[in-house]
PDB file of all heavy atoms in Angstrom:
ATOM      1  N   GLU A   1     -47.644  10.302  30.846  1.00  0.00           N
ATOM      2  CA  GLU A   1     -47.569  10.134  32.291  1.00  0.00           C
ATOM      3  C   GLU A   1     -48.288  11.292  32.975  1.00  0.00           C
ATOM      4  O   GLU A   1     -48.486  12.345  32.375  1.00  0.00           O
ATOM      5  CB  GLU A   1     -46.124  10.024  32.778  1.00  0.00           C
ATOM      6  CG  GLU A   1     -45.296  11.273  32.557  1.00  0.00           C
ATOM      7  CD  GLU A   1     -43.854  11.109  33.019  1.00  0.00           C
ATOM      8  OE1 GLU A   1     -43.349   9.975  32.988  1.00  0.00           O
ATOM      9  OE2 GLU A   1     -43.254  12.116  33.397  1.00  0.00           O
ATOM     10  N   VAL A   2     -48.667  11.051  34.207  1.00  0.00           N
ATOM     11  CA  VAL A   2     -49.335  12.078  35.004  1.00  0.00           C
ATOM     12  C   VAL A   2     -48.490  12.384  36.227  1.00  0.00           C
ATOM     13  O   VAL A   2     -47.983  11.477  36.889  1.00  0.00           O
ATOM     14  CB  VAL A   2     -50.750  11.613  35.441  1.00  0.00           C
ATOM     15  CG1 VAL A   2     -51.316  12.535  36.497  1.00  0.00           C
ATOM     16  CG2 VAL A   2     -51.668  11.560  34.247  1.00  0.00           C
ATOM     17  N   SER A   3     -48.328  13.666  36.497  1.00  0.00           N
ATOM     18  CA  SER A   3     -47.673  14.127  37.716  1.00  0.00           C
ATOM     19  C   SER A   3     -48.597  15.168  38.337  1.00  0.00           C
ATOM     20  O   SER A   3     -48.846  16.220  37.724  1.00  0.00           O
ATOM     21  CB  SER A   3     -46.312  14.726  37.394  1.00  0.00           C
ATOM     22  OG  SER A   3     -45.714  15.233  38.562  1.00  0.00           O
ATOM     23  N   GLU A   4     -49.133  14.826  39.491  1.00  0.00           N
ATOM     24  CA  GLU A   4     -50.130  15.665  40.161  1.00  0.00           C
ATOM     25  C   GLU A   4     -51.307  15.885  39.216  1.00  0.00           C
ATOM     26  O   GLU A   4     -51.956  14.927  38.831  1.00  0.00           O
ATOM     27  CB  GLU A   4     -49.501  16.948  40.674  1.00  0.00           C
ATOM     28  CG  GLU A   4     -48.441  16.688  41.737  1.00  0.00           C
ATOM     29  CD  GLU A   4     -47.809  17.952  42.277  1.00  0.00           C
ATOM     30  OE1 GLU A   4     -48.330  19.042  42.013  1.00  0.00           O
ATOM     31  OE2 GLU A   4     -46.806  17.827  42.993  1.00  0.00           O
ATOM     32  N   SER A   5     -51.568  17.114  38.791  1.00  0.00           N
ATOM     33  CA  SER A   5     -52.717  17.360  37.913  1.00  0.00           C
ATOM     34  C   SER A   5     -52.304  17.692  36.479  1.00  0.00           C
ATOM     35  O   SER A   5     -53.063  18.299  35.729  1.00  0.00           O
ATOM     36  CB  SER A   5     -53.583  18.479  38.485  1.00  0.00           C
ATOM     37  OG  SER A   5     -52.845  19.688  38.526  1.00  0.00           O
ATOM     38  N   THR A   6     -51.101  17.266  36.082  1.00  0.00           N
ATOM     39  CA  THR A   6     -50.603  17.548  34.737  1.00  0.00           C
ATOM     40  C   THR A   6     -50.364  16.255  33.968  1.00  0.00           C
ATOM     41  O   THR A   6     -49.680  15.353  34.445  1.00  0.00           O
ATOM     42  CB  THR A   6     -49.294  18.359  34.796  1.00  0.00           C
ATOM     43  OG1 THR A   6     -49.550  19.590  35.482  1.00  0.00           O
ATOM     44  CG2 THR A   6     -48.767  18.665  33.408  1.00  0.00           C
ATOM     45  N   LEU A   7     -50.945  16.202  32.778  1.00  0.00           N
ATOM     46  CA  LEU A   7     -50.698  15.100  31.848  1.00  0.00           C
ATOM     47  C   LEU A   7     -49.529  15.522  30.956  1.00  0.00           C
ATOM     48  O   LEU A   7     -49.584  16.577  30.322  1.00  0.00           O
ATOM     49  CB  LEU A   7     -51.938  14.827  30.996  1.00  0.00           C
ATOM     50  CG  LEU A   7     -51.771  13.832  29.851  1.00  0.00           C
ATOM     51  CD1 LEU A   7     -51.515  12.426  30.396  1.00  0.00           C
ATOM     52  CD2 LEU A   7     -52.998  13.850  28.944  1.00  0.00           C
ATOM     53  N   SER A   8     -48.473  14.718  30.932  1.00  0.00           N
ATOM     54  CA  SER A   8     -47.299  15.012  30.100  1.00  0.00           C
ATOM     55  C   SER A   8     -47.198  13.973  28.995  1.00  0.00           C
ATOM     56  O   SER A   8     -47.336  12.774  29.245  1.00  0.00           O
ATOM     57  CB  SER A   8     -46.026  14.981  30.940  1.00  0.00           C
ATOM     58  OG  SER A   8     -46.070  15.986  31.924  1.00  0.00           O
ATOM     59  N   VAL A   9     -46.947  14.464  27.790  1.00  0.00           N
ATOM     60  CA  VAL A   9     -46.807  13.590  26.631  1.00  0.00           C
ATOM     61  C   VAL A   9     -45.497  13.935  25.942  1.00  0.00           C
ATOM     62  O   VAL A   9     -45.172  15.111  25.756  1.00  0.00           O
ATOM     63  CB  VAL A   9     -47.978  13.774  25.638  1.00  0.00           C
ATOM     64  CG1 VAL A   9     -47.958  12.694  24.567  1.00  0.00           C
ATOM     65  CG2 VAL A   9     -49.307  13.799  26.356  1.00  0.00           C
ATOM     66  N   ARG A  10     -44.743  12.891  25.585  1.00  0.00           N
ATOM     67  CA  ARG A  10     -43.459  13.072  24.897  1.00  0.00           C
ATOM     68  C   ARG A  10     -43.436  12.190  23.666  1.00  0.00           C
ATOM     69  O   ARG A  10     -43.695  10.990  23.751  1.00  0.00           O
ATOM     70  CB  ARG A  10     -42.294  12.678  25.806  1.00  0.00           C
ATOM     71  CG  ARG A  10     -42.257  13.365  27.161  1.00  0.00           C
ATOM     72  CD  ARG A  10     -41.743  14.795  27.066  1.00  0.00           C
ATOM     73  NE  ARG A  10     -41.668  15.426  28.365  1.00  0.00           N
ATOM     74  CZ  ARG A  10     -42.590  16.257  28.844  1.00  0.00           C
ATOM     75  NH1 ARG A  10     -43.653  16.532  28.154  1.00  0.00           N
ATOM     76  NH2 ARG A  10     -42.448  16.819  30.029  1.00  0.00           N
ATOM     77  N   TRP A  11     -43.141  12.791  22.527  1.00  0.00           N
ATOM     78  CA  TRP A  11     -43.009  12.053  21.285  1.00  0.00           C
ATOM     79  C   TRP A  11     -41.552  12.056  20.836  1.00  0.00           C
ATOM     80  O   TRP A  11     -40.837  13.037  21.038  1.00  0.00           O
ATOM     81  CB  TRP A  11     -43.796  12.714  20.153  1.00  0.00           C
ATOM     82  CG  TRP A  11     -45.270  12.586  20.203  1.00  0.00           C
ATOM     83  CD1 TRP A  11     -46.028  11.650  19.565  1.00  0.00           C
ATOM     84  CD2 TRP A  11     -46.207  13.445  20.866  1.00  0.00           C
ATOM     85  NE1 TRP A  11     -47.360  11.869  19.812  1.00  0.00           N
ATOM     86  CE2 TRP A  11     -47.495  12.967  20.608  1.00  0.00           C
ATOM     87  CE3 TRP A  11     -46.059  14.568  21.669  1.00  0.00           C
ATOM     88  CZ2 TRP A  11     -48.638  13.576  21.109  1.00  0.00           C
ATOM     89  CZ3 TRP A  11     -47.188  15.176  22.172  1.00  0.00           C
ATOM     90  CH2 TRP A  11     -48.464  14.683  21.894  1.00  0.00           C
ATOM     91  N   THR A  12     -41.134  10.982  20.199  1.00  0.00           N
ATOM     92  CA  THR A  12     -39.853  10.900  19.517  1.00  0.00           C
ATOM     93  C   THR A  12     -40.140  10.291  18.149  1.00  0.00           C
ATOM     94  O   THR A  12     -40.803   9.250  18.060  1.00  0.00           O
ATOM     95  CB  THR A  12     -38.862  10.006  20.285  1.00  0.00           C
ATOM     96  OG1 THR A  12     -38.723  10.521  21.607  1.00  0.00           O
ATOM     97  CG2 THR A  12     -37.498  10.006  19.615  1.00  0.00           C
ATOM     98  N   ALA A  13     -39.656  10.932  17.081  1.00  0.00           N
ATOM     99  CA  ALA A  13     -39.964  10.463  15.732  1.00  0.00           C
ATOM    100  C   ALA A  13     -38.755  10.588  14.818  1.00  0.00           C
ATOM    101  O   ALA A  13     -37.853  11.390  15.055  1.00  0.00           O
ATOM    102  CB  ALA A  13     -41.123  11.263  15.155  1.00  0.00           C
ATOM    103  N   ASP A  14     -38.794   9.779  13.762  1.00  0.00           N
ATOM    104  CA  ASP A  14     -37.741   9.820  12.749  1.00  0.00           C
ATOM    105  C   ASP A  14     -37.995  10.902  11.700  1.00  0.00           C
ATOM    106  O   ASP A  14     -37.066  11.415  11.103  1.00  0.00           O
ATOM    107  CB  ASP A  14     -37.634   8.468  12.033  1.00  0.00           C
ATOM    108  CG  ASP A  14     -37.160   7.365  12.955  1.00  0.00           C
ATOM    109  OD1 ASP A  14     -36.475   7.670  13.950  1.00  0.00           O
ATOM    110  OD2 ASP A  14     -37.480   6.190  12.686  1.00  0.00           O
ATOM    111  N   GLU A  15     -39.271  11.209  11.457  1.00  0.00           N
ATOM    112  CA  GLU A  15     -39.632  12.151  10.396  1.00  0.00           C
ATOM    113  C   GLU A  15     -40.630  13.183  10.923  1.00  0.00           C
ATOM    114  O   GLU A  15     -41.516  12.858  11.713  1.00  0.00           O
ATOM    115  CB  GLU A  15     -40.288  11.415   9.224  1.00  0.00           C
ATOM    116  CG  GLU A  15     -39.416  10.385   8.559  1.00  0.00           C
ATOM    117  CD  GLU A  15     -40.174   9.634   7.474  1.00  0.00           C
ATOM    118  OE1 GLU A  15     -41.125  10.210   6.893  1.00  0.00           O
ATOM    119  OE2 GLU A  15     -39.823   8.473   7.220  1.00  0.00           O
ATOM    120  N   ALA A  16     -40.508  14.406  10.421  1.00  0.00           N
ATOM    121  CA  ALA A  16     -41.402  15.490  10.837  1.00  0.00           C
ATOM    122  C   ALA A  16     -42.848  15.185  10.465  1.00  0.00           C
ATOM    123  O   ALA A  16     -43.770  15.471  11.235  1.00  0.00           O
ATOM    124  CB  ALA A  16     -40.957  16.807  10.212  1.00  0.00           C
ATOM    125  N   ARG A  17     -43.074  14.591   9.319  1.00  0.00           N
ATOM    126  CA  ARG A  17     -44.433  14.295   8.863  1.00  0.00           C
ATOM    127  C   ARG A  17     -45.122  13.325   9.815  1.00  0.00           C
ATOM    128  O   ARG A  17     -46.273  13.527  10.203  1.00  0.00           O
ATOM    129  CB  ARG A  17     -44.392  13.708   7.450  1.00  0.00           C
ATOM    130  CG  ARG A  17     -45.743  13.337   6.877  1.00  0.00           C
ATOM    131  CD  ARG A  17     -45.605  12.689   5.507  1.00  0.00           C
ATOM    132  NE  ARG A  17     -44.756  11.514   5.530  1.00  0.00           N
ATOM    133  CZ  ARG A  17     -45.166  10.285   5.891  1.00  0.00           C
ATOM    134  NH1 ARG A  17     -46.407  10.100   6.275  1.00  0.00           N
ATOM    135  NH2 ARG A  17     -44.334   9.269   5.869  1.00  0.00           N
ATOM    136  N   ILE A  18     -44.420  12.286  10.220  1.00  0.00           N
ATOM    137  CA  ILE A  18     -44.986  11.296  11.140  1.00  0.00           C
ATOM    138  C   ILE A  18     -45.295  11.949  12.490  1.00  0.00           C
ATOM    139  O   ILE A  18     -46.337  11.710  13.095  1.00  0.00           O
ATOM    140  CB  ILE A  18     -44.011  10.115  11.322  1.00  0.00           C
ATOM    141  CG1 ILE A  18     -43.821   9.385  10.011  1.00  0.00           C
ATOM    142  CG2 ILE A  18     -44.515   9.165  12.398  1.00  0.00           C
ATOM    143  CD1 ILE A  18     -42.676   8.374  10.048  1.00  0.00           C
ATOM    144  N   LEU A  19     -44.388  12.789  12.956  1.00  0.00           N
ATOM    145  CA  LEU A  19     -44.581  13.492  14.226  1.00  0.00           C
ATOM    146  C   LEU A  19     -45.805  14.395  14.154  1.00  0.00           C
ATOM    147  O   LEU A  19     -46.649  14.398  15.052  1.00  0.00           O
ATOM    148  CB  LEU A  19     -43.321  14.294  14.568  1.00  0.00           C
ATOM    149  CG  LEU A  19     -43.347  15.070  15.875  1.00  0.00           C
ATOM    150  CD1 LEU A  19     -43.534  14.145  17.062  1.00  0.00           C
ATOM    151  CD2 LEU A  19     -42.058  15.871  16.016  1.00  0.00           C
ATOM    152  N   ARG A  20     -45.929  15.141  13.073  1.00  0.00           N
ATOM    153  CA  ARG A  20     -47.058  16.065  12.898  1.00  0.00           C
ATOM    154  C   ARG A  20     -48.391  15.318  12.901  1.00  0.00           C
ATOM    155  O   ARG A  20     -49.344  15.727  13.581  1.00  0.00           O
ATOM    156  CB  ARG A  20     -46.897  16.841  11.589  1.00  0.00           C
ATOM    157  CG  ARG A  20     -48.044  17.775  11.297  1.00  0.00           C
ATOM    158  CD  ARG A  20     -47.852  18.528   9.979  1.00  0.00           C
ATOM    159  NE  ARG A  20     -47.428  17.697   8.874  1.00  0.00           N
ATOM    160  CZ  ARG A  20     -48.250  16.936   8.138  1.00  0.00           C
ATOM    161  NH1 ARG A  20     -49.532  16.884   8.404  1.00  0.00           N
ATOM    162  NH2 ARG A  20     -47.774  16.240   7.128  1.00  0.00           N
ATOM    163  N   VAL A  21     -48.468  14.208  12.199  1.00  0.00           N
ATOM    164  CA  VAL A  21     -49.705  13.430  12.141  1.00  0.00           C
ATOM    165  C   VAL A  21     -50.061  12.870  13.520  1.00  0.00           C
ATOM    166  O   VAL A  21     -51.209  12.921  13.955  1.00  0.00           O
ATOM    167  CB  VAL A  21     -49.593  12.297  11.091  1.00  0.00           C
ATOM    168  CG1 VAL A  21     -50.754  11.330  11.193  1.00  0.00           C
ATOM    169  CG2 VAL A  21     -49.508  12.892   9.687  1.00  0.00           C
ATOM    170  N   SER A  22     -49.064  12.344  14.229  1.00  0.00           N
ATOM    171  CA  SER A  22     -49.301  11.767  15.546  1.00  0.00           C
ATOM    172  C   SER A  22     -49.758  12.828  16.546  1.00  0.00           C
ATOM    173  O   SER A  22     -50.713  12.606  17.297  1.00  0.00           O
ATOM    174  CB  SER A  22     -48.033  11.076  16.056  1.00  0.00           C
ATOM    175  OG  SER A  22     -48.250  10.540  17.333  1.00  0.00           O
ATOM    176  N   VAL A  23     -49.097  13.973  16.564  1.00  0.00           N
ATOM    177  CA  VAL A  23     -49.472  15.050  17.489  1.00  0.00           C
ATOM    178  C   VAL A  23     -50.873  15.562  17.155  1.00  0.00           C
ATOM    179  O   VAL A  23     -51.705  15.755  18.046  1.00  0.00           O
ATOM    180  CB  VAL A  23     -48.431  16.191  17.477  1.00  0.00           C
ATOM    181  CG1 VAL A  23     -48.937  17.400  18.258  1.00  0.00           C
ATOM    182  CG2 VAL A  23     -47.102  15.709  18.034  1.00  0.00           C
ATOM    183  N   GLY A  24     -51.149  15.744  15.874  1.00  0.00           N
ATOM    184  CA  GLY A  24     -52.472  16.212  15.459  1.00  0.00           C
ATOM    185  C   GLY A  24     -53.573  15.254  15.870  1.00  0.00           C
ATOM    186  O   GLY A  24     -54.621  15.665  16.392  1.00  0.00           O
ATOM    187  N   SER A  25     -53.345  13.976  15.678  1.00  0.00           N
ATOM    188  CA  SER A  25     -54.321  12.956  16.067  1.00  0.00           C
ATOM    189  C   SER A  25     -54.515  12.945  17.583  1.00  0.00           C
ATOM    190  O   SER A  25     -55.648  12.869  18.073  1.00  0.00           O
ATOM    191  CB  SER A  25     -53.841  11.580  15.585  1.00  0.00           C
ATOM    192  OG  SER A  25     -54.706  10.574  16.021  1.00  0.00           O
ATOM    193  N   PHE A  26     -53.426  13.048  18.317  1.00  0.00           N
ATOM    194  CA  PHE A  26     -53.515  13.075  19.779  1.00  0.00           C
ATOM    195  C   PHE A  26     -54.320  14.286  20.248  1.00  0.00           C
ATOM    196  O   PHE A  26     -55.159  14.169  21.146  1.00  0.00           O
ATOM    197  CB  PHE A  26     -52.118  13.097  20.404  1.00  0.00           C
ATOM    198  CG  PHE A  26     -52.154  13.200  21.896  1.00  0.00           C
ATOM    199  CD1 PHE A  26     -52.334  12.074  22.679  1.00  0.00           C
ATOM    200  CD2 PHE A  26     -52.042  14.435  22.528  1.00  0.00           C
ATOM    201  CE1 PHE A  26     -52.396  12.169  24.065  1.00  0.00           C
ATOM    202  CE2 PHE A  26     -52.097  14.543  23.905  1.00  0.00           C
ATOM    203  CZ  PHE A  26     -52.274  13.403  24.674  1.00  0.00           C
ATOM    204  N   LEU A  27     -54.074  15.446  19.663  1.00  0.00           N
ATOM    205  CA  LEU A  27     -54.797  16.657  20.067  1.00  0.00           C
ATOM    206  C   LEU A  27     -56.290  16.523  19.782  1.00  0.00           C
ATOM    207  O   LEU A  27     -57.115  17.003  20.565  1.00  0.00           O
ATOM    208  CB  LEU A  27     -54.204  17.889  19.384  1.00  0.00           C
ATOM    209  CG  LEU A  27     -52.799  18.277  19.850  1.00  0.00           C
ATOM    210  CD1 LEU A  27     -52.257  19.425  19.006  1.00  0.00           C
ATOM    211  CD2 LEU A  27     -52.779  18.626  21.323  1.00  0.00           C
ATOM    212  N   ASP A  28     -56.649  15.881  18.675  1.00  0.00           N
ATOM    213  CA  ASP A  28     -58.061  15.629  18.376  1.00  0.00           C
ATOM    214  C   ASP A  28     -58.688  14.759  19.468  1.00  0.00           C
ATOM    215  O   ASP A  28     -59.778  15.040  19.954  1.00  0.00           O
ATOM    216  CB  ASP A  28     -58.228  14.940  17.022  1.00  0.00           C
ATOM    217  CG  ASP A  28     -57.949  15.863  15.847  1.00  0.00           C
ATOM    218  OD1 ASP A  28     -57.941  17.100  16.043  1.00  0.00           O
ATOM    219  OD2 ASP A  28     -57.731  15.342  14.731  1.00  0.00           O
ATOM    220  N   HIS A  29     -57.988  13.679  19.858  1.00  0.00           N
ATOM    221  CA  HIS A  29     -58.492  12.788  20.896  1.00  0.00           C
ATOM    222  C   HIS A  29     -58.545  13.499  22.254  1.00  0.00           C
ATOM    223  O   HIS A  29     -59.510  13.333  23.008  1.00  0.00           O
ATOM    224  CB  HIS A  29     -57.632  11.525  20.997  1.00  0.00           C
ATOM    225  CG  HIS A  29     -57.814  10.599  19.856  1.00  0.00           C
ATOM    226  ND1 HIS A  29     -56.858  10.420  18.892  1.00  0.00           N
ATOM    227  CD2 HIS A  29     -58.850   9.800  19.507  1.00  0.00           C
ATOM    228  CE1 HIS A  29     -57.294   9.555  18.006  1.00  0.00           C
ATOM    229  NE2 HIS A  29     -58.500   9.162  18.344  1.00  0.00           N
ATOM    230  N   LEU A  30     -57.530  14.283  22.558  1.00  0.00           N
ATOM    231  CA  LEU A  30     -57.501  15.027  23.817  1.00  0.00           C
ATOM    232  C   LEU A  30     -58.680  15.990  23.889  1.00  0.00           C
ATOM    233  O   LEU A  30     -59.340  16.105  24.926  1.00  0.00           O
ATOM    234  CB  LEU A  30     -56.176  15.785  23.957  1.00  0.00           C
ATOM    235  CG  LEU A  30     -56.038  16.696  25.167  1.00  0.00           C
ATOM    236  CD1 LEU A  30     -56.095  15.890  26.466  1.00  0.00           C
ATOM    237  CD2 LEU A  30     -54.735  17.486  25.081  1.00  0.00           C
ATOM    238  N   SER A  31     -58.949  16.669  22.799  1.00  0.00           N
ATOM    239  CA  SER A  31     -60.077  17.601  22.753  1.00  0.00           C
ATOM    240  C   SER A  31     -61.393  16.872  23.045  1.00  0.00           C
ATOM    241  O   SER A  31     -62.229  17.362  23.817  1.00  0.00           O
ATOM    242  CB  SER A  31     -60.128  18.269  21.373  1.00  0.00           C
ATOM    243  OG  SER A  31     -61.251  19.110  21.269  1.00  0.00           O
ATOM    244  N   LEU A  32     -61.569  15.703  22.470  1.00  0.00           N
ATOM    245  CA  LEU A  32     -62.772  14.916  22.712  1.00  0.00           C
ATOM    246  C   LEU A  32     -62.879  14.482  24.178  1.00  0.00           C
ATOM    247  O   LEU A  32     -63.960  14.544  24.781  1.00  0.00           O
ATOM    248  CB  LEU A  32     -62.782  13.693  21.791  1.00  0.00           C
ATOM    249  CG  LEU A  32     -63.997  12.783  21.902  1.00  0.00           C
ATOM    250  CD1 LEU A  32     -65.281  13.538  21.566  1.00  0.00           C
ATOM    251  CD2 LEU A  32     -63.820  11.580  20.991  1.00  0.00           C
ATOM    252  N   VAL A  33     -61.759  14.063  24.761  1.00  0.00           N
ATOM    253  CA  VAL A  33     -61.749  13.659  26.176  1.00  0.00           C
ATOM    254  C   VAL A  33     -62.136  14.847  27.068  1.00  0.00           C
ATOM    255  O   VAL A  33     -62.962  14.710  27.974  1.00  0.00           O
ATOM    256  CB  VAL A  33     -60.365  13.092  26.569  1.00  0.00           C
ATOM    257  CG1 VAL A  33     -60.234  12.956  28.083  1.00  0.00           C
ATOM    258  CG2 VAL A  33     -60.125  11.748  25.888  1.00  0.00           C
ATOM    259  N   ILE A  34     -61.562  16.002  26.807  1.00  0.00           N
ATOM    260  CA  ILE A  34     -61.861  17.193  27.612  1.00  0.00           C
ATOM    261  C   ILE A  34     -63.321  17.605  27.453  1.00  0.00           C
ATOM    262  O   ILE A  34     -64.002  17.918  28.437  1.00  0.00           O
ATOM    263  CB  ILE A  34     -60.899  18.344  27.257  1.00  0.00           C
ATOM    264  CG1 ILE A  34     -59.488  17.995  27.730  1.00  0.00           C
ATOM    265  CG2 ILE A  34     -61.374  19.670  27.867  1.00  0.00           C
ATOM    266  CD1 ILE A  34     -58.407  18.946  27.241  1.00  0.00           C
ATOM    267  N   GLU A  35     -63.835  17.586  26.217  1.00  0.00           N
ATOM    268  CA  GLU A  35     -65.239  17.936  25.986  1.00  0.00           C
ATOM    269  C   GLU A  35     -66.168  16.966  26.722  1.00  0.00           C
ATOM    270  O   GLU A  35     -67.185  17.370  27.294  1.00  0.00           O
ATOM    271  CB  GLU A  35     -65.551  17.915  24.489  1.00  0.00           C
ATOM    272  CG  GLU A  35     -64.960  19.074  23.724  1.00  0.00           C
ATOM    273  CD  GLU A  35     -65.187  18.964  22.222  1.00  0.00           C
ATOM    274  OE1 GLU A  35     -66.088  18.196  21.790  1.00  0.00           O
ATOM    275  OE2 GLU A  35     -64.458  19.635  21.479  1.00  0.00           O
ATOM    276  N   THR A  36     -65.814  15.681  26.721  1.00  0.00           N
ATOM    277  CA  THR A  36     -66.632  14.672  27.404  1.00  0.00           C
ATOM    278  C   THR A  36     -66.619  14.898  28.912  1.00  0.00           C
ATOM    279  O   THR A  36     -67.668  14.839  29.569  1.00  0.00           O
ATOM    280  CB  THR A  36     -66.130  13.250  27.066  1.00  0.00           C
ATOM    281  OG1 THR A  36     -66.184  13.074  25.647  1.00  0.00           O
ATOM    282  CG2 THR A  36     -66.974  12.191  27.744  1.00  0.00           C
ATOM    283  N   MET A  37     -65.441  15.175  29.467  1.00  0.00           N
ATOM    284  CA  MET A  37     -65.372  15.446  30.910  1.00  0.00           C
ATOM    285  C   MET A  37     -66.161  16.704  31.270  1.00  0.00           C
ATOM    286  O   MET A  37     -66.834  16.739  32.307  1.00  0.00           O
ATOM    287  CB  MET A  37     -63.907  15.569  31.358  1.00  0.00           C
ATOM    288  CG  MET A  37     -63.204  14.237  31.435  1.00  0.00           C
ATOM    289  SD  MET A  37     -61.622  14.262  32.319  1.00  0.00           S
ATOM    290  CE  MET A  37     -60.588  15.167  31.200  1.00  0.00           C
ATOM    291  N   ASP A  38     -66.103  17.721  30.428  1.00  0.00           N
ATOM    292  CA  ASP A  38     -66.875  18.949  30.678  1.00  0.00           C
ATOM    293  C   ASP A  38     -68.372  18.668  30.640  1.00  0.00           C
ATOM    294  O   ASP A  38     -69.136  19.210  31.444  1.00  0.00           O
ATOM    295  CB  ASP A  38     -66.524  20.037  29.657  1.00  0.00           C
ATOM    296  CG  ASP A  38     -65.169  20.685  29.918  1.00  0.00           C
ATOM    297  OD1 ASP A  38     -64.617  20.496  31.026  1.00  0.00           O
ATOM    298  OD2 ASP A  38     -64.671  21.363  29.011  1.00  0.00           O
ATOM    299  N   ALA A  39     -68.807  17.822  29.698  1.00  0.00           N
ATOM    300  CA  ALA A  39     -70.222  17.523  29.553  1.00  0.00           C
ATOM    301  C   ALA A  39     -70.784  16.772  30.752  1.00  0.00           C
ATOM    302  O   ALA A  39     -71.924  16.969  31.151  1.00  0.00           O
ATOM    303  CB  ALA A  39     -70.463  16.703  28.272  1.00  0.00           C
ATOM    304  N   PHE A  40     -69.963  15.897  31.371  1.00  0.00           N
ATOM    305  CA  PHE A  40     -70.416  15.103  32.493  1.00  0.00           C
ATOM    306  C   PHE A  40     -70.084  15.732  33.846  1.00  0.00           C
ATOM    307  O   PHE A  40     -70.490  15.214  34.880  1.00  0.00           O
ATOM    308  CB  PHE A  40     -69.850  13.683  32.410  1.00  0.00           C
ATOM    309  CG  PHE A  40     -70.495  12.866  31.347  1.00  0.00           C
ATOM    310  CD1 PHE A  40     -69.937  12.770  30.094  1.00  0.00           C
ATOM    311  CD2 PHE A  40     -71.683  12.207  31.606  1.00  0.00           C
ATOM    312  CE1 PHE A  40     -70.544  12.018  29.096  1.00  0.00           C
ATOM    313  CE2 PHE A  40     -72.305  11.452  30.616  1.00  0.00           C
ATOM    314  CZ  PHE A  40     -71.727  11.355  29.363  1.00  0.00           C
ATOM    315  N   GLY A  41     -69.339  16.810  33.846  1.00  0.00           N
ATOM    316  CA  GLY A  41     -68.987  17.476  35.099  1.00  0.00           C
ATOM    317  C   GLY A  41     -67.795  16.851  35.766  1.00  0.00           C
ATOM    318  O   GLY A  41     -67.262  15.839  35.317  1.00  0.00           O
ATOM    319  N   PRO A  42     -67.347  17.438  36.870  1.00  0.00           N
ATOM    320  CA  PRO A  42     -66.160  16.932  37.564  1.00  0.00           C
ATOM    321  C   PRO A  42     -66.398  15.518  38.108  1.00  0.00           C
ATOM    322  O   PRO A  42     -67.521  15.180  38.483  1.00  0.00           O
ATOM    323  CB  PRO A  42     -65.925  17.924  38.694  1.00  0.00           C
ATOM    324  CG  PRO A  42     -67.109  18.797  38.742  1.00  0.00           C
ATOM    325  CD  PRO A  42     -67.918  18.601  37.506  1.00  0.00           C
TER     326      PRO A  42
END
């Protein structure tokens, strides 16, 4: 969800391994989104 200029993400998982993989994958995608926005400007 977004509130003003902050993107908030909440995970709930049954196992630590599943949580770790999901968070890691999300951070990879987030990094790509941020790099793309930087490349194209505001």
